[in-house]
Amino acid sequence: MKINYITNNFKDISVNGKKNLSVKLEDPNGDKLFVDVISDGCENV
């Protein structure tokens, strides 16, 4: 997962072990798991 800490968006750069190069940044849309992962990641930068 790649996280943009300024906008709190994310993108999955690998899915099931395969690189996903064409994916764009996504909004977590209130998904608690994604929000928590992004928040935790932003605190530890």
C-alpha atoms as a PDB file:
ATOM      1  CA  MET A   1       0.000   0.000   0.000  1.00  0.00           C
ATOM      2  CA  LYS A   2       1.222   3.469  -0.838  1.00  0.00           C
ATOM      3  CA  ILE A   3      -0.207   6.335   1.233  1.00  0.00           C
ATOM      4  CA  ASN A   4      -0.313  10.030   0.422  1.00  0.00           C
ATOM      5  CA  TYR A   5       0.035  11.518   3.908  1.00  0.00           C
ATOM      6  CA  ILE A   6      -1.066  14.984   2.804  1.00  0.00           C
ATOM      7  CA  THR A   7      -4.413  13.956   1.295  1.00  0.00           C
ATOM      8  CA  ASN A   8      -4.882  10.703   3.291  1.00  0.00           C
ATOM      9  CA  ASN A   9      -5.464   8.770   0.070  1.00  0.00           C
ATOM     10  CA  PHE A  10      -4.010   5.362  -0.704  1.00  0.00           C
ATOM     11  CA  LYS A  11      -3.384   2.921  -3.506  1.00  0.00           C
ATOM     12  CA  ASP A  12      -2.618  -0.777  -3.522  1.00  0.00           C
ATOM     13  CA  ILE A  13       0.649  -1.186  -5.396  1.00  0.00           C
ATOM     14  CA  SER A  14       0.467  -4.987  -5.207  1.00  0.00           C
ATOM     15  CA  VAL A  15      -2.523  -7.330  -5.260  1.00  0.00           C
ATOM     16  CA  ASN A  16      -2.033 -11.026  -4.512  1.00  0.00           C
ATOM     17  CA  GLY A  17       1.706 -10.634  -5.110  1.00  0.00           C
ATOM     18  CA  LYS A  18       1.311  -9.014  -8.523  1.00  0.00           C
ATOM     19  CA  LYS A  19       2.369  -5.415  -9.108  1.00  0.00           C
ATOM     20  CA  ASN A  20      -0.513  -3.092  -9.851  1.00  0.00           C
ATOM     21  CA  LEU A  21       1.056  -0.173 -11.734  1.00  0.00           C
ATOM     22  CA  SER A  22      -2.065   1.398 -13.247  1.00  0.00           C
ATOM     23  CA  VAL A  23      -4.023   1.974 -10.042  1.00  0.00           C
ATOM     24  CA  LYS A  24      -4.832   5.541  -8.925  1.00  0.00           C
ATOM     25  CA  LEU A  25      -5.031   7.017  -5.449  1.00  0.00           C
ATOM     26  CA  GLU A  26      -8.323   6.294  -3.715  1.00  0.00           C
ATOM     27  CA  ASP A  27     -10.240   7.878  -0.855  1.00  0.00           C
ATOM     28  CA  PRO A  28     -10.861   5.415   2.008  1.00  0.00           C
ATOM     29  CA  ASN A  29     -14.559   6.447   1.988  1.00  0.00           C
ATOM     30  CA  GLY A  30     -14.824   6.043   5.751  1.00  0.00           C
ATOM     31  CA  ASP A  31     -13.695   2.384   5.743  1.00  0.00           C
ATOM     32  CA  LYS A  32     -12.476   1.989   9.336  1.00  0.00           C
ATOM     33  CA  LEU A  33      -9.642  -0.395   8.464  1.00  0.00           C
ATOM     34  CA  PHE A  34      -8.184   1.926   5.813  1.00  0.00           C
ATOM     35  CA  VAL A  35      -8.717   5.035   7.947  1.00  0.00           C
ATOM     36  CA  ASP A  36      -6.946   3.401  10.906  1.00  0.00           C
ATOM     37  CA  VAL A  37      -4.027   2.173   8.772  1.00  0.00           C
ATOM     38  CA  ILE A  38      -3.593   5.598   7.178  1.00  0.00           C
ATOM     39  CA  SER A  39      -3.851   7.367  10.549  1.00  0.00           C
ATOM     40  CA  ASP A  40      -1.328   5.030  12.140  1.00  0.00           C
ATOM     41  CA  GLY A  41       1.033   5.389   9.198  1.00  0.00           C
ATOM     42  CA  CYS A  42       0.785   9.180   9.255  1.00  0.00           C
ATOM     43  CA  GLU A  43       1.627   9.283  12.979  1.00  0.00           C
ATOM     44  CA  ASN A  44       4.793   7.245  12.466  1.00  0.00           C
ATOM     45  CA  VAL A  45       6.306   9.174   9.560  1.00  0.00           C
END
